[in-house]
Amino acid sequence: MQLDKACIAQAIANRPHNGARLFINMLPQTIINMYKTKELAKVIEQKDCKIVIEVTETQKQYSVPMLKEALAWAKDKGALIAVDDLFNGYDRLQTVSLLTPDFIKITAPRADYSQRSYRATIIGILALARELGSLVIAEKVEDQRVYDYLSKLGIELFQGFYFARPGALYGTQVDKQQS
């Protein structure tokens, strides 16, 4: 938990100061604990950027009612909610239906993305997102073909190496001798 908090503090310290969205990956138990100790308020109450709490489910044991309460409070305070990696992890569809996130993130395909089952899955996720009022973000988009394919299916938001490699944030200088 201390490592999670240190990473969150680092993300906040290096946040954009231009009103952009800052997606912060958080484990459910971290969200719950920070809500209970009032530390979540410090994360959300950034005046110069919009915080998106990205629920990352790599742990199975947590209180769903407490997570819902914490995220409802966070949304009431202005945060947005994302569910990370819909294709991975525990009971993701249940999580999406319980949390009604602002964003649903899916991992772009690595292999034969033109398979009928993959196409049907994406179309189903887009229908679910429309019904919930959520936006779908395709992560890990690494080439033009995948971008074009997902765009044609109706996905409008993307992230991945096709667009940019990790690097300095928002005009900060990087010491080339250290990188």
N, C-alpha and C. Protein backbone atom coordinates (compact mmCIF):
# COMPACT_ATOMS: atom_id res chain seq x y z
N MET A 1 0.82 -1.19 0.00
CA MET A 1 0.00 0.00 0.00
C MET A 1 0.87 1.26 0.00
N GLN A 2 1.99 1.23 0.72
CA GLN A 2 2.87 2.41 0.77
C GLN A 2 3.44 2.70 -0.62
N LEU A 3 3.78 1.65 -1.37
CA LEU A 3 4.28 1.84 -2.72
C LEU A 3 3.21 2.46 -3.60
N ASP A 4 1.97 1.98 -3.47
CA ASP A 4 0.86 2.58 -4.23
C ASP A 4 0.75 4.07 -3.94
N LYS A 5 0.79 4.41 -2.67
CA LYS A 5 0.66 5.82 -2.28
C LYS A 5 1.83 6.65 -2.79
N ALA A 6 3.02 6.08 -2.78
CA ALA A 6 4.20 6.79 -3.29
C ALA A 6 4.06 7.04 -4.80
N CYS A 7 3.57 6.05 -5.54
CA CYS A 7 3.36 6.21 -6.98
C CYS A 7 2.29 7.26 -7.28
N ILE A 8 1.23 7.24 -6.50
CA ILE A 8 0.16 8.22 -6.67
C ILE A 8 0.69 9.63 -6.38
N ALA A 9 1.46 9.77 -5.30
CA ALA A 9 2.04 11.08 -4.96
C ALA A 9 2.96 11.56 -6.08
N GLN A 10 3.73 10.66 -6.67
CA GLN A 10 4.63 11.02 -7.78
C GLN A 10 3.82 11.47 -9.00
N ALA A 11 2.74 10.76 -9.30
CA ALA A 11 1.89 11.15 -10.43
C ALA A 11 1.30 12.53 -10.21
N ILE A 12 0.86 12.80 -8.99
CA ILE A 12 0.30 14.13 -8.67
C ILE A 12 1.38 15.20 -8.79
N ALA A 13 2.57 14.90 -8.27
CA ALA A 13 3.66 15.89 -8.32
C ALA A 13 4.05 16.23 -9.76
N ASN A 14 3.92 15.27 -10.68
CA ASN A 14 4.31 15.48 -12.07
C ASN A 14 3.10 15.69 -12.98
N ARG A 15 1.98 16.05 -12.42
CA ARG A 15 0.74 16.18 -13.17
C ARG A 15 0.81 17.34 -14.17
N PRO A 16 -0.03 17.27 -15.18
CA PRO A 16 -0.14 18.41 -16.09
C PRO A 16 -0.84 19.56 -15.36
N HIS A 17 -0.46 20.76 -15.67
CA HIS A 17 -1.07 21.95 -15.04
C HIS A 17 -1.90 22.72 -16.06
N ASN A 18 -2.51 21.99 -16.98
CA ASN A 18 -3.21 22.66 -18.07
C ASN A 18 -4.66 22.22 -18.22
N GLY A 19 -5.22 21.62 -17.18
CA GLY A 19 -6.60 21.16 -17.25
C GLY A 19 -6.78 19.80 -17.88
N ALA A 20 -5.68 19.16 -18.30
CA ALA A 20 -5.77 17.85 -18.93
C ALA A 20 -6.19 16.78 -17.92
N ARG A 21 -6.59 15.63 -18.43
CA ARG A 21 -6.94 14.51 -17.56
C ARG A 21 -5.68 13.77 -17.14
N LEU A 22 -5.64 13.39 -15.88
CA LEU A 22 -4.55 12.58 -15.36
C LEU A 22 -5.14 11.26 -14.90
N PHE A 23 -4.83 10.18 -15.63
CA PHE A 23 -5.30 8.85 -15.27
C PHE A 23 -4.33 8.26 -14.25
N ILE A 24 -4.85 7.86 -13.09
CA ILE A 24 -4.03 7.27 -12.04
C ILE A 24 -4.53 5.86 -11.76
N ASN A 25 -3.68 4.86 -12.04
CA ASN A 25 -4.05 3.48 -11.75
C ASN A 25 -4.05 3.26 -10.25
N MET A 26 -5.14 2.67 -9.75
CA MET A 26 -5.26 2.41 -8.32
C MET A 26 -5.92 1.05 -8.10
N LEU A 27 -5.39 0.29 -7.17
CA LEU A 27 -6.00 -0.96 -6.77
C LEU A 27 -7.25 -0.67 -5.94
N PRO A 28 -8.26 -1.52 -6.02
CA PRO A 28 -9.48 -1.28 -5.24
C PRO A 28 -9.22 -1.08 -3.75
N GLN A 29 -8.37 -1.90 -3.14
CA GLN A 29 -8.12 -1.77 -1.71
C GLN A 29 -7.42 -0.45 -1.38
N THR A 30 -6.57 0.02 -2.27
CA THR A 30 -5.91 1.32 -2.07
C THR A 30 -6.96 2.44 -2.11
N ILE A 31 -7.88 2.36 -3.05
CA ILE A 31 -8.95 3.37 -3.14
C ILE A 31 -9.75 3.38 -1.84
N ILE A 32 -10.13 2.20 -1.38
CA ILE A 32 -10.93 2.08 -0.16
C ILE A 32 -10.18 2.64 1.03
N ASN A 33 -8.91 2.24 1.20
CA ASN A 33 -8.13 2.71 2.35
C ASN A 33 -7.91 4.22 2.31
N MET A 34 -7.61 4.76 1.12
CA MET A 34 -7.39 6.19 1.01
C MET A 34 -8.68 6.97 1.22
N TYR A 35 -9.81 6.38 0.87
CA TYR A 35 -11.11 7.00 1.13
C TYR A 35 -11.37 7.05 2.63
N LYS A 36 -11.12 5.94 3.31
CA LYS A 36 -11.36 5.87 4.75
C LYS A 36 -10.48 6.83 5.53
N THR A 37 -9.24 7.03 5.07
CA THR A 37 -8.30 7.90 5.79
C THR A 37 -8.33 9.34 5.28
N LYS A 38 -9.24 9.64 4.37
CA LYS A 38 -9.40 10.99 3.79
C LYS A 38 -8.25 11.39 2.87
N GLU A 39 -7.33 10.46 2.57
CA GLU A 39 -6.22 10.77 1.66
C GLU A 39 -6.69 10.89 0.21
N LEU A 40 -7.81 10.24 -0.12
CA LEU A 40 -8.32 10.30 -1.48
C LEU A 40 -8.73 11.73 -1.84
N ALA A 41 -9.17 12.49 -0.87
CA ALA A 41 -9.55 13.89 -1.12
C ALA A 41 -8.37 14.68 -1.65
N LYS A 42 -7.17 14.44 -1.11
CA LYS A 42 -5.97 15.15 -1.57
C LYS A 42 -5.64 14.81 -3.03
N VAL A 43 -5.94 13.59 -3.43
CA VAL A 43 -5.69 13.17 -4.80
C VAL A 43 -6.66 13.86 -5.75
N ILE A 44 -7.92 13.88 -5.37
CA ILE A 44 -8.98 14.38 -6.25
C ILE A 44 -8.98 15.89 -6.38
N GLU A 45 -8.65 16.59 -5.32
CA GLU A 45 -8.83 18.04 -5.29
C GLU A 45 -7.68 18.80 -5.93
N GLN A 46 -7.30 18.41 -7.14
CA GLN A 46 -6.29 19.12 -7.92
C GLN A 46 -7.02 20.14 -8.78
N LYS A 47 -6.65 21.38 -8.67
CA LYS A 47 -7.37 22.45 -9.38
C LYS A 47 -6.96 22.58 -10.84
N ASP A 48 -5.75 22.11 -11.18
CA ASP A 48 -5.22 22.38 -12.50
C ASP A 48 -5.22 21.17 -13.43
N CYS A 49 -5.86 20.08 -13.02
CA CYS A 49 -6.04 18.94 -13.91
C CYS A 49 -7.23 18.12 -13.44
N LYS A 50 -7.75 17.30 -14.33
CA LYS A 50 -8.92 16.46 -14.03
C LYS A 50 -8.43 15.06 -13.70
N ILE A 51 -8.71 14.58 -12.49
CA ILE A 51 -8.25 13.28 -12.04
C ILE A 51 -9.21 12.19 -12.52
N VAL A 52 -8.65 11.14 -13.10
CA VAL A 52 -9.41 9.96 -13.49
C VAL A 52 -8.84 8.80 -12.68
N ILE A 53 -9.66 8.23 -11.81
CA ILE A 53 -9.24 7.07 -11.03
C ILE A 53 -9.45 5.84 -11.89
N GLU A 54 -8.34 5.20 -12.22
CA GLU A 54 -8.37 4.03 -13.09
C GLU A 54 -8.29 2.78 -12.21
N VAL A 55 -9.43 2.11 -12.05
CA VAL A 55 -9.51 0.94 -11.18
C VAL A 55 -8.81 -0.23 -11.87
N THR A 56 -7.75 -0.69 -11.23
CA THR A 56 -6.93 -1.78 -11.76
C THR A 56 -7.15 -3.00 -10.88
N GLU A 57 -7.79 -4.00 -11.42
CA GLU A 57 -8.17 -5.16 -10.61
C GLU A 57 -7.17 -6.30 -10.76
N THR A 58 -6.09 -6.22 -10.02
CA THR A 58 -5.19 -7.36 -9.98
C THR A 58 -5.33 -8.09 -8.65
N GLN A 59 -6.19 -7.58 -7.80
CA GLN A 59 -6.46 -8.26 -6.53
C GLN A 59 -7.93 -8.66 -6.51
N LYS A 60 -8.19 -9.79 -5.92
CA LYS A 60 -9.55 -10.33 -5.93
C LYS A 60 -10.33 -9.98 -4.67
N GLN A 61 -9.66 -9.81 -3.57
CA GLN A 61 -10.34 -9.62 -2.29
C GLN A 61 -10.45 -8.14 -1.93
N TYR A 62 -11.65 -7.61 -2.01
CA TYR A 62 -11.93 -6.25 -1.55
C TYR A 62 -13.43 -6.13 -1.39
N SER A 63 -13.85 -5.12 -0.68
CA SER A 63 -15.27 -4.90 -0.42
C SER A 63 -15.88 -4.11 -1.57
N VAL A 64 -16.72 -4.78 -2.35
CA VAL A 64 -17.38 -4.10 -3.47
C VAL A 64 -18.26 -2.94 -2.98
N PRO A 65 -19.06 -3.12 -1.91
CA PRO A 65 -19.86 -1.99 -1.43
C PRO A 65 -18.99 -0.79 -1.01
N MET A 66 -17.85 -1.06 -0.37
CA MET A 66 -16.97 0.05 0.04
C MET A 66 -16.33 0.72 -1.17
N LEU A 67 -15.96 -0.08 -2.17
CA LEU A 67 -15.38 0.50 -3.39
C LEU A 67 -16.42 1.38 -4.08
N LYS A 68 -17.65 0.90 -4.19
CA LYS A 68 -18.72 1.70 -4.80
C LYS A 68 -18.93 3.00 -4.04
N GLU A 69 -18.92 2.92 -2.72
CA GLU A 69 -19.09 4.12 -1.89
C GLU A 69 -17.95 5.11 -2.12
N ALA A 70 -16.73 4.61 -2.11
CA ALA A 70 -15.56 5.48 -2.30
C ALA A 70 -15.59 6.14 -3.67
N LEU A 71 -15.91 5.38 -4.70
CA LEU A 71 -15.93 5.94 -6.06
C LEU A 71 -17.11 6.87 -6.28
N ALA A 72 -18.24 6.58 -5.66
CA ALA A 72 -19.38 7.51 -5.75
C ALA A 72 -19.01 8.84 -5.10
N TRP A 73 -18.34 8.78 -3.96
CA TRP A 73 -17.88 10.00 -3.29
C TRP A 73 -16.90 10.75 -4.19
N ALA A 74 -15.95 10.01 -4.80
CA ALA A 74 -14.96 10.64 -5.67
C ALA A 74 -15.62 11.31 -6.87
N LYS A 75 -16.60 10.64 -7.48
CA LYS A 75 -17.32 11.23 -8.62
C LYS A 75 -18.06 12.49 -8.19
N ASP A 76 -18.65 12.44 -7.00
CA ASP A 76 -19.36 13.61 -6.47
C ASP A 76 -18.41 14.79 -6.28
N LYS A 77 -17.15 14.50 -6.01
CA LYS A 77 -16.14 15.55 -5.81
C LYS A 77 -15.48 15.97 -7.12
N GLY A 78 -15.89 15.35 -8.25
CA GLY A 78 -15.38 15.80 -9.54
C GLY A 78 -14.44 14.84 -10.26
N ALA A 79 -14.08 13.73 -9.62
CA ALA A 79 -13.20 12.78 -10.30
C ALA A 79 -14.00 12.00 -11.34
N LEU A 80 -13.30 11.47 -12.32
CA LEU A 80 -13.88 10.55 -13.28
C LEU A 80 -13.37 9.16 -12.95
N ILE A 81 -14.08 8.14 -13.42
CA ILE A 81 -13.72 6.75 -13.09
C ILE A 81 -13.48 5.98 -14.39
N ALA A 82 -12.43 5.16 -14.40
CA ALA A 82 -12.15 4.26 -15.52
C ALA A 82 -11.96 2.86 -14.97
N VAL A 83 -12.36 1.86 -15.75
CA VAL A 83 -12.06 0.47 -15.43
C VAL A 83 -11.00 0.04 -16.42
N ASP A 84 -9.85 -0.40 -15.90
CA ASP A 84 -8.70 -0.75 -16.72
C ASP A 84 -8.80 -2.19 -17.21
N ASP A 85 -8.30 -2.42 -18.41
CA ASP A 85 -8.13 -3.77 -18.97
C ASP A 85 -9.37 -4.64 -18.85
N LEU A 86 -10.42 -4.27 -19.54
CA LEU A 86 -11.66 -5.04 -19.47
C LEU A 86 -11.43 -6.50 -19.82
N PHE A 87 -10.48 -6.81 -20.67
CA PHE A 87 -10.24 -8.20 -21.09
C PHE A 87 -9.45 -9.00 -20.07
N ASN A 88 -8.86 -8.36 -19.07
CA ASN A 88 -8.00 -9.06 -18.11
C ASN A 88 -8.58 -8.96 -16.71
N GLY A 89 -8.15 -9.83 -15.82
CA GLY A 89 -8.49 -9.69 -14.41
C GLY A 89 -9.74 -10.44 -14.00
N TYR A 90 -10.20 -10.12 -12.83
CA TYR A 90 -11.33 -10.81 -12.21
C TYR A 90 -12.64 -10.10 -12.53
N ASP A 91 -13.63 -10.82 -12.90
CA ASP A 91 -15.02 -10.36 -13.01
C ASP A 91 -15.16 -8.92 -13.53
N ARG A 92 -14.49 -8.60 -14.62
CA ARG A 92 -14.50 -7.23 -15.13
C ARG A 92 -15.87 -6.74 -15.55
N LEU A 93 -16.63 -7.58 -16.21
CA LEU A 93 -17.97 -7.14 -16.62
C LEU A 93 -18.83 -6.80 -15.42
N GLN A 94 -18.69 -7.57 -14.36
CA GLN A 94 -19.42 -7.26 -13.14
C GLN A 94 -18.96 -5.91 -12.58
N THR A 95 -17.65 -5.68 -12.60
CA THR A 95 -17.10 -4.41 -12.11
C THR A 95 -17.67 -3.25 -12.91
N VAL A 96 -17.69 -3.39 -14.23
CA VAL A 96 -18.22 -2.33 -15.09
C VAL A 96 -19.68 -2.07 -14.77
N SER A 97 -20.45 -3.11 -14.63
CA SER A 97 -21.89 -2.91 -14.37
C SER A 97 -22.14 -2.32 -12.98
N LEU A 98 -21.28 -2.64 -12.01
CA LEU A 98 -21.46 -2.10 -10.66
C LEU A 98 -20.99 -0.65 -10.53
N LEU A 99 -19.93 -0.31 -11.25
CA LEU A 99 -19.31 1.02 -11.07
C LEU A 99 -19.76 2.05 -12.09
N THR A 100 -20.37 1.62 -13.19
CA THR A 100 -20.72 2.51 -14.30
C THR A 100 -19.65 3.59 -14.51
N PRO A 101 -18.49 3.17 -14.98
CA PRO A 101 -17.37 4.10 -15.13
C PRO A 101 -17.58 5.10 -16.27
N ASP A 102 -16.81 6.17 -16.22
CA ASP A 102 -16.81 7.15 -17.31
C ASP A 102 -16.06 6.61 -18.52
N PHE A 103 -15.04 5.77 -18.25
CA PHE A 103 -14.20 5.18 -19.30
C PHE A 103 -14.07 3.68 -19.08
N ILE A 104 -14.09 2.93 -20.17
CA ILE A 104 -13.79 1.50 -20.15
C ILE A 104 -12.57 1.32 -21.03
N LYS A 105 -11.50 0.78 -20.46
CA LYS A 105 -10.27 0.59 -21.23
C LYS A 105 -10.14 -0.87 -21.64
N ILE A 106 -9.83 -1.05 -22.92
CA ILE A 106 -9.61 -2.40 -23.44
C ILE A 106 -8.20 -2.46 -24.01
N THR A 107 -7.65 -3.65 -24.04
CA THR A 107 -6.32 -3.84 -24.62
C THR A 107 -6.49 -4.18 -26.09
N ALA A 108 -5.77 -3.46 -26.93
CA ALA A 108 -5.82 -3.73 -28.36
C ALA A 108 -5.27 -5.13 -28.63
N PRO A 109 -5.74 -5.76 -29.69
CA PRO A 109 -5.30 -7.13 -29.99
C PRO A 109 -3.84 -7.19 -30.42
N ARG A 110 -3.20 -8.29 -30.08
CA ARG A 110 -1.80 -8.50 -30.48
C ARG A 110 -1.70 -9.45 -31.68
N ALA A 111 -2.67 -10.34 -31.82
CA ALA A 111 -2.59 -11.36 -32.87
C ALA A 111 -3.60 -11.06 -33.98
N ASP A 112 -4.36 -12.04 -34.37
CA ASP A 112 -5.31 -11.90 -35.46
C ASP A 112 -6.57 -11.17 -34.98
N TYR A 113 -6.53 -9.86 -35.04
CA TYR A 113 -7.63 -9.06 -34.54
C TYR A 113 -8.85 -9.10 -35.44
N SER A 114 -8.73 -9.64 -36.61
CA SER A 114 -9.88 -9.68 -37.51
C SER A 114 -10.77 -10.89 -37.25
N GLN A 115 -10.45 -11.68 -36.24
CA GLN A 115 -11.30 -12.83 -35.91
C GLN A 115 -12.71 -12.35 -35.59
N ARG A 116 -13.66 -13.12 -36.03
CA ARG A 116 -15.07 -12.78 -35.83
C ARG A 116 -15.41 -12.60 -34.35
N SER A 117 -14.85 -13.45 -33.49
CA SER A 117 -15.16 -13.37 -32.06
C SER A 117 -14.62 -12.08 -31.44
N TYR A 118 -13.44 -11.63 -31.88
CA TYR A 118 -12.89 -10.39 -31.36
C TYR A 118 -13.76 -9.21 -31.79
N ARG A 119 -14.13 -9.20 -33.06
CA ARG A 119 -14.99 -8.12 -33.59
C ARG A 119 -16.31 -8.08 -32.81
N ALA A 120 -16.91 -9.23 -32.58
CA ALA A 120 -18.18 -9.29 -31.85
C ALA A 120 -18.01 -8.79 -30.42
N THR A 121 -16.89 -9.12 -29.81
CA THR A 121 -16.62 -8.67 -28.44
C THR A 121 -16.52 -7.15 -28.39
N ILE A 122 -15.79 -6.56 -29.32
CA ILE A 122 -15.63 -5.10 -29.35
C ILE A 122 -16.98 -4.43 -29.58
N ILE A 123 -17.76 -4.94 -30.50
CA ILE A 123 -19.07 -4.36 -30.77
C ILE A 123 -19.95 -4.46 -29.52
N GLY A 124 -19.87 -5.57 -28.80
CA GLY A 124 -20.62 -5.73 -27.56
C GLY A 124 -20.18 -4.75 -26.48
N ILE A 125 -18.88 -4.54 -26.36
CA ILE A 125 -18.34 -3.59 -25.37
C ILE A 125 -18.79 -2.17 -25.72
N LEU A 126 -18.77 -1.84 -27.00
CA LEU A 126 -19.23 -0.50 -27.41
C LEU A 126 -20.71 -0.32 -27.09
N ALA A 127 -21.51 -1.35 -27.29
CA ALA A 127 -22.95 -1.27 -26.96
C ALA A 127 -23.14 -1.10 -25.45
N LEU A 128 -22.38 -1.86 -24.66
CA LEU A 128 -22.44 -1.74 -23.20
C LEU A 128 -22.04 -0.32 -22.78
N ALA A 129 -20.97 0.19 -23.36
CA ALA A 129 -20.50 1.54 -23.03
C ALA A 129 -21.56 2.59 -23.35
N ARG A 130 -22.18 2.47 -24.51
CA ARG A 130 -23.26 3.41 -24.88
C ARG A 130 -24.39 3.36 -23.86
N GLU A 131 -24.77 2.17 -23.47
CA GLU A 131 -25.86 1.99 -22.52
C GLU A 131 -25.53 2.62 -21.17
N LEU A 132 -24.26 2.53 -20.76
CA LEU A 132 -23.83 3.06 -19.46
C LEU A 132 -23.42 4.53 -19.53
N GLY A 133 -23.27 5.07 -20.74
CA GLY A 133 -22.79 6.44 -20.88
C GLY A 133 -21.28 6.54 -20.71
N SER A 134 -20.57 5.45 -20.99
CA SER A 134 -19.11 5.39 -20.85
C SER A 134 -18.45 5.55 -22.21
N LEU A 135 -17.19 5.95 -22.20
CA LEU A 135 -16.37 6.01 -23.40
C LEU A 135 -15.39 4.84 -23.36
N VAL A 136 -15.07 4.28 -24.53
CA VAL A 136 -14.12 3.17 -24.62
C VAL A 136 -12.77 3.72 -25.08
N ILE A 137 -11.72 3.31 -24.39
CA ILE A 137 -10.35 3.67 -24.77
C ILE A 137 -9.62 2.37 -25.12
N ALA A 138 -9.04 2.32 -26.30
CA ALA A 138 -8.22 1.17 -26.69
C ALA A 138 -6.77 1.46 -26.29
N GLU A 139 -6.21 0.61 -25.44
CA GLU A 139 -4.84 0.74 -24.98
C GLU A 139 -3.91 -0.12 -25.82
N LYS A 140 -2.63 0.19 -25.76
CA LYS A 140 -1.58 -0.62 -26.39
C LYS A 140 -1.74 -0.72 -27.90
N VAL A 141 -2.20 0.36 -28.51
CA VAL A 141 -2.30 0.41 -29.97
C VAL A 141 -0.90 0.70 -30.50
N GLU A 142 -0.36 -0.23 -31.28
CA GLU A 142 1.03 -0.12 -31.69
C GLU A 142 1.24 0.08 -33.18
N ASP A 143 0.19 0.02 -33.99
CA ASP A 143 0.39 0.24 -35.42
C ASP A 143 -0.87 0.76 -36.10
N GLN A 144 -0.69 1.23 -37.31
CA GLN A 144 -1.76 1.83 -38.11
C GLN A 144 -2.90 0.84 -38.38
N ARG A 145 -2.56 -0.41 -38.67
CA ARG A 145 -3.60 -1.41 -38.99
C ARG A 145 -4.57 -1.59 -37.83
N VAL A 146 -4.05 -1.72 -36.62
CA VAL A 146 -4.91 -1.91 -35.45
C VAL A 146 -5.74 -0.65 -35.20
N TYR A 147 -5.10 0.51 -35.31
CA TYR A 147 -5.82 1.78 -35.15
C TYR A 147 -6.96 1.88 -36.15
N ASP A 148 -6.69 1.61 -37.42
CA ASP A 148 -7.73 1.69 -38.45
C ASP A 148 -8.87 0.71 -38.17
N TYR A 149 -8.51 -0.53 -37.80
CA TYR A 149 -9.51 -1.56 -37.54
C TYR A 149 -10.43 -1.14 -36.39
N LEU A 150 -9.85 -0.71 -35.28
CA LEU A 150 -10.65 -0.33 -34.11
C LEU A 150 -11.45 0.95 -34.37
N SER A 151 -10.88 1.86 -35.14
CA SER A 151 -11.61 3.08 -35.51
C SER A 151 -12.86 2.74 -36.32
N LYS A 152 -12.71 1.82 -37.26
CA LYS A 152 -13.86 1.43 -38.09
C LYS A 152 -14.95 0.76 -37.27
N LEU A 153 -14.56 0.10 -36.18
CA LEU A 153 -15.56 -0.52 -35.31
C LEU A 153 -16.27 0.51 -34.43
N GLY A 154 -15.70 1.71 -34.30
CA GLY A 154 -16.37 2.76 -33.55
C GLY A 154 -15.63 3.28 -32.32
N ILE A 155 -14.43 2.77 -32.07
CA ILE A 155 -13.65 3.28 -30.94
C ILE A 155 -13.06 4.62 -31.35
N GLU A 156 -13.13 5.61 -30.45
CA GLU A 156 -12.68 6.96 -30.76
C GLU A 156 -11.49 7.42 -29.94
N LEU A 157 -11.19 6.74 -28.83
CA LEU A 157 -10.09 7.15 -27.95
C LEU A 157 -9.04 6.04 -27.91
N PHE A 158 -7.77 6.43 -28.01
CA PHE A 158 -6.69 5.46 -28.12
C PHE A 158 -5.49 5.91 -27.30
N GLN A 159 -4.66 4.93 -26.93
CA GLN A 159 -3.34 5.23 -26.39
C GLN A 159 -2.42 4.08 -26.77
N GLY A 160 -1.14 4.38 -26.88
CA GLY A 160 -0.18 3.33 -27.21
C GLY A 160 1.01 3.88 -27.96
N PHE A 161 1.96 2.99 -28.22
CA PHE A 161 3.21 3.37 -28.88
C PHE A 161 3.01 3.92 -30.28
N TYR A 162 1.90 3.59 -30.93
CA TYR A 162 1.64 4.13 -32.26
C TYR A 162 1.57 5.65 -32.21
N PHE A 163 1.13 6.19 -31.10
CA PHE A 163 0.94 7.63 -30.96
C PHE A 163 2.16 8.30 -30.33
N ALA A 164 2.76 7.67 -29.32
CA ALA A 164 3.93 8.25 -28.66
C ALA A 164 4.56 7.22 -27.74
N ARG A 165 5.85 7.30 -27.61
CA ARG A 165 6.59 6.48 -26.65
C ARG A 165 6.61 7.23 -25.33
N PRO A 166 6.79 6.51 -24.24
CA PRO A 166 6.91 7.21 -22.94
C PRO A 166 8.06 8.21 -23.00
N GLY A 167 7.86 9.33 -22.34
CA GLY A 167 8.90 10.35 -22.34
C GLY A 167 8.58 11.44 -21.34
N ALA A 168 9.24 12.54 -21.50
CA ALA A 168 9.05 13.67 -20.60
C ALA A 168 7.62 14.17 -20.70
N LEU A 169 7.11 14.65 -19.59
CA LEU A 169 5.75 15.15 -19.54
C LEU A 169 5.69 16.64 -19.77
N TYR A 170 4.79 17.06 -20.63
CA TYR A 170 4.35 18.44 -20.75
C TYR A 170 5.47 19.47 -20.73
N GLY A 171 6.48 19.23 -21.58
CA GLY A 171 7.51 20.25 -21.74
C GLY A 171 8.64 20.19 -20.72
N THR A 172 8.67 19.18 -19.87
CA THR A 172 9.78 19.11 -18.91
C THR A 172 11.04 18.67 -19.64
N GLN A 173 12.15 19.06 -19.12
CA GLN A 173 13.44 18.72 -19.72
C GLN A 173 13.93 17.37 -19.23
N VAL A 174 14.51 16.59 -20.11
CA VAL A 174 15.10 15.30 -19.76
C VAL A 174 16.59 15.41 -19.97
N ASP A 175 17.36 15.01 -18.97
CA ASP A 175 18.82 14.99 -19.09
C ASP A 175 19.19 13.81 -19.96
N LYS A 176 19.68 14.08 -21.18
CA LYS A 176 19.97 13.03 -22.15
C LYS A 176 21.06 12.08 -21.66
N GLN A 177 21.94 12.53 -20.77
CA GLN A 177 22.97 11.65 -20.26
C GLN A 177 22.40 10.60 -19.31
N GLN A 178 21.26 10.86 -18.70
CA GLN A 178 20.62 9.92 -17.79
C GLN A 178 19.63 9.02 -18.50
N SER A 179 19.17 9.41 -19.68
CA SER A 179 18.15 8.61 -20.35
C SER A 179 18.73 7.61 -21.30
